[in-house]
């Protein structure tokens, strides 16, 4: 059971990584949902723009918030 949950979480994390790397999110407003999905029957996740601007080196990134919710045993 734990192995199945781990695999589902890993799949969701990889999907999220791909979305973050490829989504043209610069136009998003604060609170806009950029991506969302499920992981099994009891877990959902949502990626939103949080209004922060992050500067690393010469690049500027938008701030993102990942919210994971679930019900039942995890």
C-alpha atoms as a PDB file:
ATOM      1  CA  UNK A   1       0.000   0.000   0.000  1.00  0.00           C
ATOM      2  CA  UNK A   2       2.748   2.464   0.938  1.00  0.00           C
ATOM      3  CA  UNK A   3       4.657   1.562  -2.224  1.00  0.00           C
ATOM      4  CA  UNK A   4       1.592   2.352  -4.340  1.00  0.00           C
ATOM      5  CA  UNK A   5       1.128   5.723  -2.620  1.00  0.00           C
ATOM      6  CA  UNK A   6       4.826   6.499  -3.052  1.00  0.00           C
ATOM      7  CA  UNK A   7       4.643   5.710  -6.779  1.00  0.00           C
ATOM      8  CA  UNK A   8       1.545   7.886  -7.187  1.00  0.00           C
ATOM      9  CA  UNK A   9       3.168  10.749  -5.305  1.00  0.00           C
ATOM     10  CA  UNK A  10       6.345  10.404  -7.370  1.00  0.00           C
ATOM     11  CA  UNK A  11       4.284  10.440 -10.585  1.00  0.00           C
ATOM     12  CA  UNK A  12       2.458  13.581  -9.438  1.00  0.00           C
ATOM     13  CA  UNK A  13       5.743  15.252  -8.466  1.00  0.00           C
ATOM     14  CA  UNK A  14       7.273  14.517 -11.867  1.00  0.00           C
ATOM     15  CA  UNK A  15       4.158  15.842 -13.606  1.00  0.00           C
ATOM     16  CA  UNK A  16       4.331  18.972 -11.491  1.00  0.00           C
ATOM     17  CA  UNK A  17       7.999  19.444 -12.358  1.00  0.00           C
ATOM     18  CA  UNK A  18       7.231  19.216 -16.061  1.00  0.00           C
ATOM     19  CA  UNK A  19       4.382  21.708 -15.702  1.00  0.00           C
ATOM     20  CA  UNK A  20       6.560  24.178 -13.805  1.00  0.00           C
ATOM     21  CA  UNK A  21       9.362  23.903 -16.337  1.00  0.00           C
ATOM     22  CA  UNK A  22       7.133  24.280 -19.397  1.00  0.00           C
ATOM     23  CA  UNK A  23       4.197  26.458 -18.311  1.00  0.00           C
ATOM     24  CA  UNK A  24       4.329  30.054 -19.538  1.00  0.00           C
ATOM     25  CA  UNK A  25       3.230  31.340 -16.154  1.00  0.00           C
ATOM     26  CA  UNK A  26       4.611  34.879 -16.420  1.00  0.00           C
ATOM     27  CA  UNK A  27       1.166  36.168 -17.416  1.00  0.00           C
ATOM     28  CA  UNK A  28      -0.633  34.612 -14.464  1.00  0.00           C
ATOM     29  CA  UNK A  29      -2.310  36.785 -11.858  1.00  0.00           C
ATOM     30  CA  UNK A  30      -1.949  36.193  -8.133  1.00  0.00           C
ATOM     31  CA  UNK A  31      -4.057  33.230  -7.142  1.00  0.00           C
ATOM     32  CA  UNK A  32      -4.474  31.910 -10.682  1.00  0.00           C
ATOM     33  CA  UNK A  33      -4.424  28.114 -10.817  1.00  0.00           C
ATOM     34  CA  UNK A  34      -1.623  27.106 -13.175  1.00  0.00           C
ATOM     35  CA  UNK A  35      -2.079  23.353 -12.831  1.00  0.00           C
ATOM     36  CA  UNK A  36      -3.946  20.845 -10.706  1.00  0.00           C
ATOM     37  CA  UNK A  37      -4.454  17.135 -10.504  1.00  0.00           C
ATOM     38  CA  UNK A  38      -5.027  14.079  -8.396  1.00  0.00           C
ATOM     39  CA  UNK A  39      -2.823  11.398  -6.968  1.00  0.00           C
ATOM     40  CA  UNK A  40      -4.902   8.309  -6.368  1.00  0.00           C
ATOM     41  CA  UNK A  41      -8.384   8.546  -4.910  1.00  0.00           C
ATOM     42  CA  UNK A  42      -7.700  10.686  -1.843  1.00  0.00           C
ATOM     43  CA  UNK A  43      -5.054  13.277  -2.765  1.00  0.00           C
ATOM     44  CA  UNK A  44      -5.367  16.418  -4.880  1.00  0.00           C
ATOM     45  CA  UNK A  45      -2.814  19.118  -5.666  1.00  0.00           C
ATOM     46  CA  UNK A  46      -3.018  22.659  -7.016  1.00  0.00           C
ATOM     47  CA  UNK A  47      -0.235  24.945  -8.238  1.00  0.00           C
ATOM     48  CA  UNK A  48      -0.984  28.677  -7.975  1.00  0.00           C
ATOM     49  CA  UNK A  49       0.896  31.914  -8.590  1.00  0.00           C
ATOM     50  CA  UNK A  50       1.572  33.589  -5.228  1.00  0.00           C
ATOM     51  CA  UNK A  51       2.654  37.079  -6.307  1.00  0.00           C
ATOM     52  CA  UNK A  52       6.304  36.786  -5.305  1.00  0.00           C
ATOM     53  CA  UNK A  53       9.095  37.499  -7.745  1.00  0.00           C
ATOM     54  CA  UNK A  54      12.275  35.476  -7.244  1.00  0.00           C
ATOM     55  CA  UNK A  55      15.540  36.634  -8.785  1.00  0.00           C
ATOM     56  CA  UNK A  56      18.339  34.094  -9.168  1.00  0.00           C
ATOM     57  CA  UNK A  57      21.391  35.385 -10.961  1.00  0.00           C
ATOM     58  CA  UNK A  58      20.196  37.236 -14.032  1.00  0.00           C
ATOM     59  CA  UNK A  59      16.848  35.404 -14.226  1.00  0.00           C
ATOM     60  CA  UNK A  60      13.529  36.348 -12.690  1.00  0.00           C
ATOM     61  CA  UNK A  61      10.952  33.743 -11.747  1.00  0.00           C
ATOM     62  CA  UNK A  62       7.426  33.992 -10.427  1.00  0.00           C
ATOM     63  CA  UNK A  63       6.639  32.610  -7.002  1.00  0.00           C
ATOM     64  CA  UNK A  64       4.526  29.493  -6.911  1.00  0.00           C
ATOM     65  CA  UNK A  65       2.553  27.789  -4.155  1.00  0.00           C
ATOM     66  CA  UNK A  66       1.884  24.050  -4.175  1.00  0.00           C
ATOM     67  CA  UNK A  67      -1.134  22.970  -2.115  1.00  0.00           C
ATOM     68  CA  UNK A  68      -1.640  19.270  -1.430  1.00  0.00           C
ATOM     69  CA  UNK A  69      -4.828  18.078   0.273  1.00  0.00           C
ATOM     70  CA  UNK A  70      -6.142  14.675   1.098  1.00  0.00           C
ATOM     71  CA  UNK A  71      -8.659  12.626   3.018  1.00  0.00           C
ATOM     72  CA  UNK A  72      -8.548   9.259   4.689  1.00  0.00           C
ATOM     73  CA  UNK A  73      -5.463   7.247   5.495  1.00  0.00           C
ATOM     74  CA  UNK A  74      -2.312   8.290   3.666  1.00  0.00           C
END
